[in-house]
């Protein structure tokens, strides 16, 4: 008799600020003080309290993650991670991988079990979406495999149906 897996990966298209998760991940800049894209949307939806808390964190390095409350968001927390600006170097993939790994580590450290990710670094940071999907899913699958006893639901919330197709293609190629 096989044991039901305690963790899983889900995909959706939509507005990550509306996801009722334990935490949503913010594709932040290093200041953590808001910006464009998903970062700006999360700050606007969470309200000024998020900015006030972020000001106390002292920024964040690329590939690392920090956590705050969710304030006016449907999510209880925001995990802020700083993705790499794409340069085409091998270091880009390592830093992007670290964003997902550090975010999931931080979620587990805070006893969170439902985390929603946007497509990190694929907007103004210029990471090619197909390559980012490969790195993201490798990091998530490896983390879930390494923490098989920890119940975790990971959602990838894509901005568009086209974005989601990159993730579906990667998952189909894994099978």
C-alpha atoms as a PDB file:
ATOM      1  CA  UNK A   1       0.000   0.000   0.000  1.00  0.00           C
ATOM      2  CA  UNK A   2       1.521   3.318  -1.015  1.00  0.00           C
ATOM      3  CA  UNK A   3       1.530   6.243   1.335  1.00  0.00           C
ATOM      4  CA  UNK A   4      -0.168   9.386   0.041  1.00  0.00           C
ATOM      5  CA  UNK A   5       2.385  12.096  -0.661  1.00  0.00           C
ATOM      6  CA  UNK A   6       2.210  14.898   1.890  1.00  0.00           C
ATOM      7  CA  UNK A   7       3.334  17.583  -0.529  1.00  0.00           C
ATOM      8  CA  UNK A   8       2.383  18.736  -4.006  1.00  0.00           C
ATOM      9  CA  UNK A   9       2.790  21.390  -6.676  1.00  0.00           C
ATOM     10  CA  UNK A  10      -0.174  23.225  -8.171  1.00  0.00           C
ATOM     11  CA  UNK A  11      -0.329  25.694 -11.051  1.00  0.00           C
ATOM     12  CA  UNK A  12      -2.724  28.544 -11.705  1.00  0.00           C
ATOM     13  CA  UNK A  13      -3.059  31.773 -13.603  1.00  0.00           C
ATOM     14  CA  UNK A  14      -4.161  34.789 -11.635  1.00  0.00           C
ATOM     15  CA  UNK A  15      -3.442  37.511  -9.133  1.00  0.00           C
ATOM     16  CA  UNK A  16      -1.110  36.235  -6.427  1.00  0.00           C
ATOM     17  CA  UNK A  17      -2.320  38.964  -4.044  1.00  0.00           C
ATOM     18  CA  UNK A  18      -5.686  37.175  -3.853  1.00  0.00           C
ATOM     19  CA  UNK A  19      -4.316  33.723  -2.987  1.00  0.00           C
ATOM     20  CA  UNK A  20      -5.363  32.606   0.532  1.00  0.00           C
ATOM     21  CA  UNK A  21      -2.077  30.872   1.351  1.00  0.00           C
ATOM     22  CA  UNK A  22       0.000  30.699   4.488  1.00  0.00           C
ATOM     23  CA  UNK A  23       2.482  32.818   2.519  1.00  0.00           C
ATOM     24  CA  UNK A  24       2.874  34.351  -0.894  1.00  0.00           C
ATOM     25  CA  UNK A  25       6.346  34.948  -2.223  1.00  0.00           C
ATOM     26  CA  UNK A  26       7.269  38.420  -3.378  1.00  0.00           C
ATOM     27  CA  UNK A  27       9.735  38.776  -6.244  1.00  0.00           C
ATOM     28  CA  UNK A  28      11.271  41.749  -4.484  1.00  0.00           C
ATOM     29  CA  UNK A  29      14.136  44.091  -5.140  1.00  0.00           C
ATOM     30  CA  UNK A  30      17.017  44.242  -2.676  1.00  0.00           C
ATOM     31  CA  UNK A  31      15.594  47.234  -0.771  1.00  0.00           C
ATOM     32  CA  UNK A  32      12.335  45.343  -0.014  1.00  0.00           C
ATOM     33  CA  UNK A  33      10.617  48.728  -0.230  1.00  0.00           C
ATOM     34  CA  UNK A  34       8.376  47.992  -3.204  1.00  0.00           C
ATOM     35  CA  UNK A  35       8.821  48.354  -6.918  1.00  0.00           C
ATOM     36  CA  UNK A  36       7.110  47.359 -10.129  1.00  0.00           C
ATOM     37  CA  UNK A  37       5.422  44.166 -11.268  1.00  0.00           C
ATOM     38  CA  UNK A  38       4.399  41.652  -8.640  1.00  0.00           C
ATOM     39  CA  UNK A  39       6.427  43.527  -5.995  1.00  0.00           C
ATOM     40  CA  UNK A  40       4.398  46.710  -6.462  1.00  0.00           C
ATOM     41  CA  UNK A  41       1.126  44.772  -6.619  1.00  0.00           C
ATOM     42  CA  UNK A  42       1.865  43.001  -3.321  1.00  0.00           C
ATOM     43  CA  UNK A  43       2.828  46.236  -1.583  1.00  0.00           C
ATOM     44  CA  UNK A  44      -0.309  48.024  -2.846  1.00  0.00           C
ATOM     45  CA  UNK A  45      -2.606  45.168  -1.817  1.00  0.00           C
ATOM     46  CA  UNK A  46      -0.990  44.651   1.605  1.00  0.00           C
ATOM     47  CA  UNK A  47      -1.159  48.328   2.543  1.00  0.00           C
ATOM     48  CA  UNK A  48       1.308  50.701   4.177  1.00  0.00           C
ATOM     49  CA  UNK A  49       1.951  48.384   7.123  1.00  0.00           C
ATOM     50  CA  UNK A  50       3.933  46.067   4.841  1.00  0.00           C
ATOM     51  CA  UNK A  51       6.247  48.884   3.781  1.00  0.00           C
ATOM     52  CA  UNK A  52       6.677  49.919   7.409  1.00  0.00           C
ATOM     53  CA  UNK A  53       7.719  46.384   8.407  1.00  0.00           C
ATOM     54  CA  UNK A  54       9.984  46.018   5.364  1.00  0.00           C
ATOM     55  CA  UNK A  55      11.831  49.184   6.399  1.00  0.00           C
ATOM     56  CA  UNK A  56      12.916  47.364   9.585  1.00  0.00           C
ATOM     57  CA  UNK A  57      14.483  44.412   7.700  1.00  0.00           C
ATOM     58  CA  UNK A  58      17.552  46.125   6.230  1.00  0.00           C
ATOM     59  CA  UNK A  59      17.002  44.869   2.700  1.00  0.00           C
ATOM     60  CA  UNK A  60      17.764  41.424   1.327  1.00  0.00           C
ATOM     61  CA  UNK A  61      20.562  39.896  -0.744  1.00  0.00           C
ATOM     62  CA  UNK A  62      19.966  38.198  -4.086  1.00  0.00           C
ATOM     63  CA  UNK A  63      19.072  34.542  -3.575  1.00  0.00           C
ATOM     64  CA  UNK A  64      18.035  35.052   0.064  1.00  0.00           C
ATOM     65  CA  UNK A  65      14.592  35.477   1.655  1.00  0.00           C
ATOM     66  CA  UNK A  66      12.945  37.355   4.519  1.00  0.00           C
ATOM     67  CA  UNK A  67       9.437  37.110   5.949  1.00  0.00           C
ATOM     68  CA  UNK A  68       6.808  39.642   7.013  1.00  0.00           C
ATOM     69  CA  UNK A  69       3.150  39.600   7.931  1.00  0.00           C
ATOM     70  CA  UNK A  70       0.605  39.691   5.103  1.00  0.00           C
ATOM     71  CA  UNK A  71      -1.460  42.564   6.493  1.00  0.00           C
ATOM     72  CA  UNK A  72      -4.366  43.218   4.071  1.00  0.00           C
ATOM     73  CA  UNK A  73      -3.521  40.296   1.796  1.00  0.00           C
ATOM     74  CA  UNK A  74      -5.434  37.013   1.726  1.00  0.00           C
ATOM     75  CA  UNK A  75      -2.129  35.367   2.712  1.00  0.00           C
ATOM     76  CA  UNK A  76      -0.974  35.423   6.331  1.00  0.00           C
ATOM     77  CA  UNK A  77       2.648  36.171   5.411  1.00  0.00           C
ATOM     78  CA  UNK A  78       4.836  37.487   2.613  1.00  0.00           C
ATOM     79  CA  UNK A  79       8.172  35.853   1.929  1.00  0.00           C
ATOM     80  CA  UNK A  80      10.337  38.364   0.094  1.00  0.00           C
ATOM     81  CA  UNK A  81      13.074  36.972  -2.142  1.00  0.00           C
ATOM     82  CA  UNK A  82      15.404  38.798  -4.493  1.00  0.00           C
ATOM     83  CA  UNK A  83      15.931  37.094  -7.812  1.00  0.00           C
ATOM     84  CA  UNK A  84      18.905  37.659 -10.082  1.00  0.00           C
ATOM     85  CA  UNK A  85      18.969  40.136 -12.941  1.00  0.00           C
ATOM     86  CA  UNK A  86      19.563  37.821 -15.898  1.00  0.00           C
ATOM     87  CA  UNK A  87      23.060  38.000 -17.365  1.00  0.00           C
ATOM     88  CA  UNK A  88      23.325  34.604 -19.056  1.00  0.00           C
ATOM     89  CA  UNK A  89      25.951  33.377 -16.571  1.00  0.00           C
ATOM     90  CA  UNK A  90      25.701  30.085 -14.672  1.00  0.00           C
ATOM     91  CA  UNK A  91      25.486  32.073 -11.445  1.00  0.00           C
ATOM     92  CA  UNK A  92      22.010  33.276 -12.510  1.00  0.00           C
ATOM     93  CA  UNK A  93      20.558  29.766 -12.229  1.00  0.00           C
ATOM     94  CA  UNK A  94      22.238  29.163  -8.869  1.00  0.00           C
ATOM     95  CA  UNK A  95      20.837  32.411  -7.462  1.00  0.00           C
ATOM     96  CA  UNK A  96      17.349  31.759  -8.822  1.00  0.00           C
ATOM     97  CA  UNK A  97      17.427  28.212  -7.406  1.00  0.00           C
ATOM     98  CA  UNK A  98      18.456  29.702  -4.066  1.00  0.00           C
ATOM     99  CA  UNK A  99      15.433  32.043  -4.106  1.00  0.00           C
ATOM    100  CA  UNK A 100      13.030  29.104  -4.205  1.00  0.00           C
ATOM    101  CA  UNK A 101      15.036  27.029  -1.732  1.00  0.00           C
ATOM    102  CA  UNK A 102      15.466  29.870   0.767  1.00  0.00           C
ATOM    103  CA  UNK A 103      11.773  30.763   0.521  1.00  0.00           C
ATOM    104  CA  UNK A 104      10.673  27.194   1.208  1.00  0.00           C
ATOM    105  CA  UNK A 105      13.180  26.863   4.056  1.00  0.00           C
ATOM    106  CA  UNK A 106      11.812  30.057   5.604  1.00  0.00           C
ATOM    107  CA  UNK A 107       8.240  28.799   5.201  1.00  0.00           C
ATOM    108  CA  UNK A 108       9.089  25.549   6.996  1.00  0.00           C
ATOM    109  CA  UNK A 109      10.964  27.419   9.752  1.00  0.00           C
ATOM    110  CA  UNK A 110       7.746  29.380  10.353  1.00  0.00           C
ATOM    111  CA  UNK A 111       5.496  26.281  10.241  1.00  0.00           C
ATOM    112  CA  UNK A 112       3.824  27.356   6.991  1.00  0.00           C
ATOM    113  CA  UNK A 113       2.387  24.671   4.704  1.00  0.00           C
ATOM    114  CA  UNK A 114       0.799  26.466   1.736  1.00  0.00           C
ATOM    115  CA  UNK A 115       3.089  28.772  -0.253  1.00  0.00           C
ATOM    116  CA  UNK A 116       2.380  30.571  -3.528  1.00  0.00           C
ATOM    117  CA  UNK A 117       5.200  31.674  -5.843  1.00  0.00           C
ATOM    118  CA  UNK A 118       5.132  34.083  -8.754  1.00  0.00           C
ATOM    119  CA  UNK A 119       7.514  33.577 -11.682  1.00  0.00           C
ATOM    120  CA  UNK A 120      10.629  35.077 -10.047  1.00  0.00           C
ATOM    121  CA  UNK A 121      12.996  37.246 -12.126  1.00  0.00           C
ATOM    122  CA  UNK A 122      11.024  36.845 -15.380  1.00  0.00           C
ATOM    123  CA  UNK A 123       9.728  40.413 -15.541  1.00  0.00           C
ATOM    124  CA  UNK A 124      11.997  43.446 -15.600  1.00  0.00           C
ATOM    125  CA  UNK A 125      14.915  41.276 -14.383  1.00  0.00           C
ATOM    126  CA  UNK A 126      14.816  39.614 -17.809  1.00  0.00           C
ATOM    127  CA  UNK A 127      15.227  35.943 -16.934  1.00  0.00           C
ATOM    128  CA  UNK A 128      13.974  33.899 -19.925  1.00  0.00           C
ATOM    129  CA  UNK A 129      10.689  32.324 -18.868  1.00  0.00           C
ATOM    130  CA  UNK A 130      11.479  28.866 -20.223  1.00  0.00           C
ATOM    131  CA  UNK A 131      14.814  28.734 -18.397  1.00  0.00           C
ATOM    132  CA  UNK A 132      13.311  30.172 -15.196  1.00  0.00           C
ATOM    133  CA  UNK A 133      10.599  27.487 -15.198  1.00  0.00           C
ATOM    134  CA  UNK A 134      13.234  24.737 -15.370  1.00  0.00           C
ATOM    135  CA  UNK A 135      15.181  26.199 -12.434  1.00  0.00           C
ATOM    136  CA  UNK A 136      12.065  26.914 -10.367  1.00  0.00           C
ATOM    137  CA  UNK A 137      10.637  23.438 -10.712  1.00  0.00           C
ATOM    138  CA  UNK A 138      13.984  21.753 -10.115  1.00  0.00           C
ATOM    139  CA  UNK A 139      14.373  23.732  -6.882  1.00  0.00           C
ATOM    140  CA  UNK A 140      10.819  23.056  -5.717  1.00  0.00           C
ATOM    141  CA  UNK A 141      10.863  19.335  -6.562  1.00  0.00           C
ATOM    142  CA  UNK A 142      14.269  18.891  -4.914  1.00  0.00           C
ATOM    143  CA  UNK A 143      13.096  20.733  -1.797  1.00  0.00           C
ATOM    144  CA  UNK A 144       9.916  18.659  -1.567  1.00  0.00           C
ATOM    145  CA  UNK A 145      11.884  15.431  -2.054  1.00  0.00           C
ATOM    146  CA  UNK A 146      14.394  16.434   0.629  1.00  0.00           C
ATOM    147  CA  UNK A 147      11.554  17.332   3.023  1.00  0.00           C
ATOM    148  CA  UNK A 148       9.167  14.488   2.219  1.00  0.00           C
ATOM    149  CA  UNK A 149       7.931  14.332   5.806  1.00  0.00           C
ATOM    150  CA  UNK A 150       6.956  18.012   5.835  1.00  0.00           C
ATOM    151  CA  UNK A 151       3.496  18.695   4.461  1.00  0.00           C
ATOM    152  CA  UNK A 152       3.863  21.441   1.849  1.00  0.00           C
ATOM    153  CA  UNK A 153       1.613  22.638  -0.939  1.00  0.00           C
ATOM    154  CA  UNK A 154       3.448  24.836  -3.414  1.00  0.00           C
ATOM    155  CA  UNK A 155       1.474  26.912  -5.871  1.00  0.00           C
ATOM    156  CA  UNK A 156       2.994  28.542  -8.909  1.00  0.00           C
ATOM    157  CA  UNK A 157       0.778  31.516  -9.718  1.00  0.00           C
ATOM    158  CA  UNK A 158       1.470  32.662 -13.262  1.00  0.00           C
ATOM    159  CA  UNK A 159       0.567  36.059 -14.639  1.00  0.00           C
ATOM    160  CA  UNK A 160      -0.693  34.659 -17.952  1.00  0.00           C
ATOM    161  CA  UNK A 161      -1.718  31.355 -19.556  1.00  0.00           C
ATOM    162  CA  UNK A 162       1.389  31.619 -21.741  1.00  0.00           C
ATOM    163  CA  UNK A 163       3.589  31.746 -18.628  1.00  0.00           C
ATOM    164  CA  UNK A 164       1.913  28.648 -17.243  1.00  0.00           C
ATOM    165  CA  UNK A 165       2.642  26.708 -20.442  1.00  0.00           C
ATOM    166  CA  UNK A 166       6.389  26.903 -19.673  1.00  0.00           C
ATOM    167  CA  UNK A 167       5.807  25.192 -16.316  1.00  0.00           C
ATOM    168  CA  UNK A 168       3.482  22.572 -17.781  1.00  0.00           C
ATOM    169  CA  UNK A 169       6.049  21.748 -20.454  1.00  0.00           C
ATOM    170  CA  UNK A 170       8.778  21.281 -17.854  1.00  0.00           C
ATOM    171  CA  UNK A 171       6.550  19.030 -15.739  1.00  0.00           C
ATOM    172  CA  UNK A 172       5.566  16.951 -18.780  1.00  0.00           C
ATOM    173  CA  UNK A 173       9.232  16.472 -19.661  1.00  0.00           C
ATOM    174  CA  UNK A 174       9.947  15.278 -16.092  1.00  0.00           C
ATOM    175  CA  UNK A 175       7.427  12.423 -16.409  1.00  0.00           C
END
